[in-house]
Amino acid sequence: MLNNQAILEILRPVQDPELQKSLVDLNMIRNINITEGQVSFTLVLTTPACPLRELIVADCQKAVKQLPGVTDVKVTVTAETPQQKGVPERQSPSGVKNIIAISSGKGGVGKSTIAVNVAVALAKAGAKVGLLDADIYGPNTPTMLGLSNTSVTARPSPQGDILEPAYNHGVKLVSMGFLLDLDQPVIWRGPMLNGIVRQFLYQVDWGDLDYLLVDMPPGTGDVQLTLSQSVPLAGAVIVTTPQTVSLLDARRGLKMFQQMGVKVLGIVENMSYFVPPDQPEKSYDIFGSGGGSKASKELGVELLGCIPLEIDLREGGDRGIPIVIGQPKSHSALALINLSQKIAAAVSVAALR
């Protein structure tokens, strides 16, 4: 008979390609309805940024259409991002499901550009996203998100003042840049860095977030230690360029997270090649080539993406309009959107294993 149980049984062999588990066993098939041969149900993905959404829907429709009496199959797609597994001695901010560190071994590799565009791409896909600018000495994310003239407010609470994050392009942001004058330097030692990072984690009204991305400072210092020891990180993404000096520092940054017990989701090779605006069919390996791929193989982590260098990418950051919004069909934007999907998929896999 054509009933709910028959639908579930025919769908049981269909797997989530990333998790390699049955959609039915993962409780991703819900709200089944059958009306005179017309079958409808809800497919609940583990991330709004699922890169294989169309493939999974097609597999579901193909399976159900095998049942006698089925004339049509309608699939409604939603998402519920899983909560990262907790660690007893590390506490997540209230309402935040997954915290992802965007890090690098050295400065100047475009880490903030990656963090901002990945955050905006995830938000465009439908996720609830926050961005914590932990680069205390060089807080550039307000400019890149078009919030350079914004100030944040605080409201009193029994636990101390609670900051209200700024918001633009679908992303909530807190940054030291909101608390400083334009030319004011931050001249702090380690304990003060530790204090402000913890304040940005626990004394900000983040609300409910699927992902909180943390734009880390370069290196392997106080901020990295504070974050790794304070919260259960879903993982770290290491940003590098193809050149040797960048890769050497990236390897050190990667090893630091591994020694702290933080899963490294993978490596991103930024400025992988240059695409001239007047000849978009051409590319030039200004900083060398193949470095990210070689490092990923040697270190046993995934190469998540190779992001090209384009003038529009730099201009978008300066104007506060990330390229995934300003030029969504450009080489860089497509690579960054794909990167956001891979990061989201890797986080879901880690959370559900």
Protein backbone atom coordinates (compact mmCIF):
# COMPACT_ATOMS: atom_id res chain seq x y z
CA MET A 1 0.00 0.00 0.00
CA LEU A 2 1.05 3.58 -0.62
CA ASN A 3 1.43 4.94 2.92
CA ASN A 4 3.92 6.81 5.07
CA GLN A 5 5.82 3.66 6.01
CA ALA A 6 6.21 2.69 2.36
CA ILE A 7 7.63 6.15 1.61
CA LEU A 8 10.15 5.86 4.46
CA GLU A 9 11.24 2.37 3.41
CA ILE A 10 11.80 3.35 -0.21
CA LEU A 11 13.82 6.39 0.96
CA ARG A 12 15.90 4.49 3.52
CA PRO A 13 18.69 3.59 1.04
CA VAL A 14 19.06 7.25 0.01
CA GLN A 15 22.04 8.73 1.84
CA ASP A 16 23.33 12.17 2.65
CA PRO A 17 26.47 12.23 0.43
CA GLU A 18 28.55 14.10 3.02
CA LEU A 19 27.46 12.13 6.10
CA GLN A 20 27.11 8.81 4.23
CA LYS A 21 24.12 7.89 6.34
CA SER A 22 20.48 7.23 5.48
CA LEU A 23 18.24 10.30 5.27
CA VAL A 24 15.58 8.35 7.14
CA ASP A 25 17.94 7.28 9.92
CA LEU A 26 19.09 10.90 10.26
CA ASN A 27 15.44 12.03 10.63
CA MET A 28 15.80 14.25 7.57
CA ILE A 29 12.49 13.09 6.02
CA ARG A 30 9.46 14.63 7.75
CA ASN A 31 5.84 15.72 7.22
CA ILE A 32 4.93 13.06 4.67
CA ASN A 33 1.60 13.62 2.97
CA ILE A 34 -0.14 11.44 0.35
CA THR A 35 -3.10 12.72 -1.64
CA GLU A 36 -4.41 10.61 -4.54
CA GLY A 37 -0.95 9.55 -5.69
CA GLN A 38 0.67 12.90 -5.04
CA VAL A 39 3.40 12.56 -2.42
CA SER A 40 4.92 15.48 -0.57
CA PHE A 41 7.38 15.62 2.30
CA THR A 42 9.96 17.89 3.92
CA LEU A 43 13.68 17.28 3.49
CA VAL A 44 15.53 18.75 6.48
CA LEU A 45 19.19 19.34 5.57
CA THR A 46 21.99 19.86 8.10
CA THR A 47 22.92 23.27 6.68
CA PRO A 48 21.19 25.90 4.53
CA ALA A 49 24.42 26.05 2.51
CA CYS A 50 24.30 22.41 1.45
CA PRO A 51 26.18 22.15 -1.89
CA LEU A 52 24.40 18.92 -2.84
CA ARG A 53 20.82 20.05 -2.26
CA GLU A 54 19.63 19.43 -5.84
CA LEU A 55 21.30 16.01 -5.99
CA ILE A 56 19.64 14.86 -2.76
CA VAL A 57 16.22 16.12 -3.88
CA ALA A 58 16.60 14.35 -7.24
CA ASP A 59 17.58 11.09 -5.51
CA CYS A 60 14.53 11.34 -3.24
CA GLN A 61 12.14 11.99 -6.12
CA LYS A 62 13.61 9.16 -8.18
CA ALA A 63 13.22 6.70 -5.30
CA VAL A 64 9.63 7.60 -4.42
CA LYS A 65 8.50 7.52 -8.07
CA GLN A 66 9.35 3.82 -8.11
CA LEU A 67 6.34 3.10 -5.86
CA PRO A 68 3.17 1.95 -7.66
CA GLY A 69 0.46 4.61 -7.66
CA VAL A 70 2.77 7.63 -7.27
CA THR A 71 1.95 10.31 -9.83
CA ASP A 72 3.96 13.26 -8.49
CA VAL A 73 6.60 13.97 -5.80
CA LYS A 74 7.03 17.37 -4.18
CA VAL A 75 9.97 17.98 -1.84
CA THR A 76 10.11 21.03 0.44
CA VAL A 77 13.65 21.75 1.58
CA THR A 78 14.51 23.29 4.94
CA ALA A 79 17.57 23.08 7.22
CA GLU A 80 18.41 22.56 10.86
CA THR A 81 22.08 23.12 11.61
CA PRO A 82 23.29 20.61 14.21
CA GLN A 83 24.81 21.76 17.49
CA GLN A 84 28.53 21.11 17.85
CA LYS A 85 29.35 18.57 20.55
CA GLY A 86 30.18 20.25 23.83
CA VAL A 87 33.36 19.97 25.87
CA PRO A 88 32.84 20.06 29.68
CA GLU A 89 35.55 22.65 30.36
CA ARG A 90 34.64 24.84 27.36
CA GLN A 91 31.44 26.86 27.16
CA SER A 92 29.78 28.14 23.99
CA PRO A 93 28.03 31.51 24.03
CA SER A 94 24.29 31.05 24.57
CA GLY A 95 22.44 30.26 21.33
CA VAL A 96 25.57 29.71 19.22
CA LYS A 97 25.66 26.27 17.57
CA ASN A 98 29.04 26.21 15.81
CA ILE A 99 32.17 28.34 16.20
CA ILE A 100 34.70 28.31 13.35
CA ALA A 101 38.16 29.89 13.53
CA ILE A 102 39.44 31.49 10.31
CA SER A 103 43.17 31.63 10.92
CA SER A 104 46.56 32.03 9.28
CA GLY A 105 50.20 31.70 10.20
CA LYS A 106 51.13 35.16 8.93
CA GLY A 107 49.49 38.44 8.07
CA GLY A 108 48.66 39.73 4.63
CA VAL A 109 47.22 36.51 3.21
CA GLY A 110 43.63 37.80 2.95
CA LYS A 111 42.25 36.01 6.00
CA SER A 112 39.74 38.75 6.82
CA THR A 113 38.56 38.84 3.21
CA ILE A 114 37.92 35.10 3.39
CA ALA A 115 36.14 35.38 6.76
CA VAL A 116 33.86 38.22 5.65
CA ASN A 117 32.88 36.67 2.32
CA VAL A 118 32.30 33.20 3.78
CA ALA A 119 30.12 34.73 6.50
CA VAL A 120 28.05 36.68 3.96
CA ALA A 121 27.77 33.65 1.64
CA LEU A 122 26.45 31.51 4.51
CA ALA A 123 23.95 34.23 5.41
CA LYS A 124 22.81 34.48 1.77
CA ALA A 125 22.15 30.74 1.84
CA GLY A 126 19.79 31.21 4.77
CA ALA A 127 21.99 30.57 7.80
CA LYS A 128 22.09 32.73 10.92
CA VAL A 129 25.65 34.03 11.02
CA GLY A 130 27.85 36.07 13.31
CA LEU A 131 31.42 37.31 12.82
CA LEU A 132 33.73 37.97 15.75
CA ASP A 133 36.73 40.09 14.78
CA ALA A 134 39.43 38.76 17.11
CA ASP A 135 42.21 40.58 15.23
CA ILE A 136 42.43 43.12 18.03
CA TYR A 137 45.47 44.97 16.70
CA GLY A 138 44.17 45.22 13.12
CA PRO A 139 40.34 45.23 13.15
CA ASN A 140 39.40 45.60 9.48
CA THR A 141 36.11 43.71 9.25
CA PRO A 142 33.88 46.76 9.94
CA THR A 143 35.24 48.38 6.76
CA MET A 144 34.81 45.18 4.73
CA LEU A 145 31.20 44.74 5.89
CA GLY A 146 30.28 48.38 5.23
CA LEU A 147 30.07 49.22 8.95
CA SER A 148 33.06 51.53 9.37
CA ASN A 149 30.88 54.44 10.55
CA THR A 150 28.83 52.31 12.93
CA SER A 151 29.02 52.28 16.71
CA VAL A 152 27.79 49.55 19.01
CA THR A 153 25.71 50.09 22.12
CA ALA A 154 25.74 48.31 25.44
CA ARG A 155 22.93 47.56 27.85
CA PRO A 156 23.40 46.80 31.55
CA SER A 157 22.77 43.34 32.96
CA PRO A 158 23.57 41.50 36.22
CA GLN A 159 26.54 39.92 34.44
CA GLY A 160 27.88 43.28 33.21
CA ASP A 161 27.31 45.34 30.08
CA ILE A 162 26.03 43.37 27.08
CA LEU A 163 27.10 44.63 23.64
CA GLU A 164 24.63 44.75 20.77
CA PRO A 165 26.45 43.60 17.62
CA ALA A 166 26.35 45.64 14.44
CA TYR A 167 24.54 44.11 11.46
CA ASN A 168 24.90 44.27 7.69
CA HIS A 169 24.64 41.91 4.70
CA GLY A 170 22.91 39.34 6.93
CA VAL A 171 25.84 39.11 9.37
CA LYS A 172 26.12 40.21 13.01
CA LEU A 173 29.53 41.71 13.77
CA VAL A 174 31.49 42.71 16.84
CA SER A 175 34.96 44.20 16.47
CA MET A 176 37.51 46.25 18.35
CA GLY A 177 37.14 48.67 15.44
CA PHE A 178 33.80 49.81 16.91
CA LEU A 179 35.47 50.76 20.19
CA LEU A 180 38.44 52.76 18.83
CA ASP A 181 39.05 56.06 17.10
CA LEU A 182 40.28 55.73 13.51
CA ASP A 183 44.00 56.18 14.28
CA GLN A 184 43.99 54.83 17.83
CA PRO A 185 46.45 51.96 18.32
CA VAL A 186 45.86 49.04 20.69
CA ILE A 187 48.89 48.72 22.97
CA TRP A 188 47.99 45.75 25.13
CA ARG A 189 49.66 42.77 26.72
CA GLY A 190 48.26 39.23 26.80
CA PRO A 191 45.88 39.44 29.79
CA MET A 192 44.00 42.37 28.23
CA LEU A 193 43.67 40.49 24.93
CA ASN A 194 42.28 37.52 26.82
CA GLY A 195 39.73 39.76 28.53
CA ILE A 196 38.39 41.41 25.38
CA VAL A 197 38.13 38.11 23.47
CA ARG A 198 36.12 36.59 26.32
CA GLN A 199 33.94 39.72 26.42
CA PHE A 200 33.28 39.40 22.67
CA LEU A 201 32.32 35.77 23.20
CA TYR A 202 30.16 35.94 26.30
CA GLN A 203 29.06 39.57 26.70
CA VAL A 204 27.58 40.12 23.24
CA ASP A 205 23.92 39.54 22.43
CA TRP A 206 24.57 37.11 19.58
CA GLY A 207 21.08 35.61 19.69
CA ASP A 208 20.59 32.28 17.91
CA LEU A 209 23.39 31.57 15.42
CA ASP A 210 24.07 28.60 13.18
CA TYR A 211 27.66 29.75 12.71
CA LEU A 212 29.93 32.18 14.54
CA LEU A 213 33.06 32.79 12.46
CA VAL A 214 36.09 34.15 14.29
CA ASP A 215 38.52 36.24 12.26
CA MET A 216 41.76 35.43 14.07
CA PRO A 217 44.92 37.52 14.24
CA PRO A 218 47.94 36.06 12.47
CA GLY A 219 50.29 33.79 14.36
CA THR A 220 49.98 31.39 17.28
CA GLY A 221 49.67 33.66 20.29
CA ASP A 222 47.39 34.72 23.11
CA VAL A 223 44.15 35.05 21.14
CA GLN A 224 44.51 31.60 19.59
CA LEU A 225 45.13 30.09 23.04
CA THR A 226 42.21 31.93 24.63
CA LEU A 227 39.75 30.88 21.93
CA SER A 228 40.92 27.25 21.81
CA GLN A 229 40.69 26.89 25.60
CA SER A 230 37.42 28.81 26.09
CA VAL A 231 34.94 27.42 23.56
CA PRO A 232 34.32 24.06 21.82
CA LEU A 233 35.46 25.00 18.33
CA ALA A 234 33.74 23.21 15.46
CA GLY A 235 37.02 23.53 13.61
CA ALA A 236 39.67 25.82 12.18
CA VAL A 237 40.26 26.91 8.59
CA ILE A 238 43.85 27.80 7.70
CA VAL A 239 44.33 30.53 5.07
CA THR A 240 47.57 30.76 3.10
CA THR A 241 48.90 31.96 -0.22
CA PRO A 242 50.86 29.70 -2.63
CA GLN A 243 54.26 31.20 -1.81
CA THR A 244 56.69 29.27 0.36
CA VAL A 245 57.04 31.76 3.24
CA SER A 246 53.26 31.84 3.71
CA LEU A 247 52.99 28.05 3.61
CA LEU A 248 55.71 27.64 6.23
CA ASP A 249 53.80 29.83 8.67
CA ALA A 250 50.49 28.22 7.76
CA ARG A 251 51.87 24.81 8.71
CA ARG A 252 52.83 26.15 12.14
CA GLY A 253 49.36 27.60 12.64
CA LEU A 254 47.77 24.31 11.62
CA LYS A 255 49.95 22.31 14.01
CA MET A 256 49.07 24.70 16.84
CA PHE A 257 45.35 23.97 16.50
CA GLN A 258 45.99 20.25 16.30
CA GLN A 259 48.07 20.36 19.48
CA MET A 260 45.19 22.21 21.18
CA GLY A 261 42.79 19.42 20.20
CA VAL A 262 40.95 21.53 17.58
CA LYS A 263 39.93 19.85 14.33
CA VAL A 264 41.42 21.51 11.26
CA LEU A 265 38.68 21.57 8.62
CA GLY A 266 41.15 22.30 5.86
CA ILE A 267 43.40 24.75 4.03
CA VAL A 268 42.35 27.63 1.78
CA GLU A 269 44.83 28.86 -0.82
CA ASN A 270 44.04 32.54 -1.27
CA MET A 271 45.44 34.70 -4.10
CA SER A 272 45.84 31.40 -5.90
CA TYR A 273 46.05 33.09 -9.29
CA PHE A 274 45.32 36.50 -10.80
CA VAL A 275 42.45 37.04 -13.25
CA PRO A 276 42.88 40.26 -15.27
CA PRO A 277 39.62 42.21 -15.61
CA ASP A 278 40.06 42.84 -19.33
CA GLN A 279 40.93 39.19 -20.07
CA PRO A 280 38.85 37.04 -17.68
CA GLU A 281 39.66 33.90 -19.65
CA LYS A 282 43.33 34.19 -18.62
CA SER A 283 45.04 33.60 -15.27
CA TYR A 284 48.53 34.23 -13.90
CA ASP A 285 50.24 32.47 -10.97
CA ILE A 286 51.73 35.60 -9.41
CA PHE A 287 52.58 33.94 -6.08
CA GLY A 288 53.47 30.50 -7.46
CA SER A 289 51.19 27.51 -7.78
CA GLY A 290 50.35 24.20 -6.15
CA GLY A 291 51.53 25.13 -2.68
CA GLY A 292 48.17 24.65 -0.98
CA SER A 293 47.62 21.29 -2.64
CA LYS A 294 51.08 20.07 -1.67
CA ALA A 295 50.68 21.22 1.94
CA SER A 296 47.25 19.63 2.29
CA LYS A 297 48.58 16.27 1.11
CA GLU A 298 51.64 16.42 3.36
CA LEU A 299 49.61 17.42 6.42
CA GLY A 300 46.66 15.13 5.77
CA VAL A 301 43.96 17.81 5.63
CA GLU A 302 41.58 18.84 2.87
CA LEU A 303 42.29 21.65 0.41
CA LEU A 304 38.96 23.45 0.77
CA GLY A 305 39.42 25.86 -2.09
CA CYS A 306 41.67 28.03 -4.25
CA ILE A 307 40.50 31.64 -4.32
CA PRO A 308 41.65 33.79 -7.27
CA LEU A 309 42.82 37.36 -6.94
CA GLU A 310 40.63 39.88 -8.76
CA ILE A 311 40.49 43.65 -8.64
CA ASP A 312 36.77 43.50 -7.79
CA LEU A 313 37.58 41.44 -4.70
CA ARG A 314 39.85 44.15 -3.32
CA GLU A 315 37.51 46.97 -4.34
CA GLY A 316 34.54 45.25 -2.74
CA GLY A 317 36.38 44.99 0.56
CA ASP A 318 37.34 48.67 0.47
CA ARG A 319 33.75 49.74 -0.34
CA GLY A 320 32.13 47.48 2.24
CA ILE A 321 30.33 45.36 -0.37
CA PRO A 322 31.74 41.82 -0.27
CA ILE A 323 32.27 40.33 -3.71
CA VAL A 324 29.78 37.51 -3.07
CA ILE A 325 27.16 40.29 -3.09
CA GLY A 326 28.71 42.87 -5.42
CA GLN A 327 29.88 40.49 -8.19
CA PRO A 328 28.29 37.11 -7.36
CA LYS A 329 29.13 35.57 -10.76
CA SER A 330 32.82 36.51 -10.67
CA HIS A 331 35.56 33.88 -10.38
CA SER A 332 36.34 34.91 -6.82
CA ALA A 333 32.73 35.01 -5.66
CA LEU A 334 31.95 31.56 -7.07
CA ALA A 335 35.06 30.14 -5.39
CA LEU A 336 34.14 31.78 -2.08
CA ILE A 337 30.55 30.53 -2.22
CA ASN A 338 31.83 27.03 -2.92
CA LEU A 339 34.24 27.41 0.01
CA SER A 340 31.39 28.41 2.35
CA GLN A 341 29.45 25.31 1.32
CA LYS A 342 32.44 23.05 1.96
CA ILE A 343 33.03 24.57 5.39
CA ALA A 344 29.36 24.15 6.31
CA ALA A 345 29.39 20.53 5.14
CA ALA A 346 32.54 19.77 7.12
CA VAL A 347 31.02 21.30 10.26
CA SER A 348 27.86 19.19 9.87
CA VAL A 349 29.92 16.03 9.43
CA ALA A 350 31.92 16.82 12.57
CA ALA A 351 28.78 17.56 14.59
CA LEU A 352 26.94 14.37 13.62
CA ARG A 353 29.79 11.87 13.96
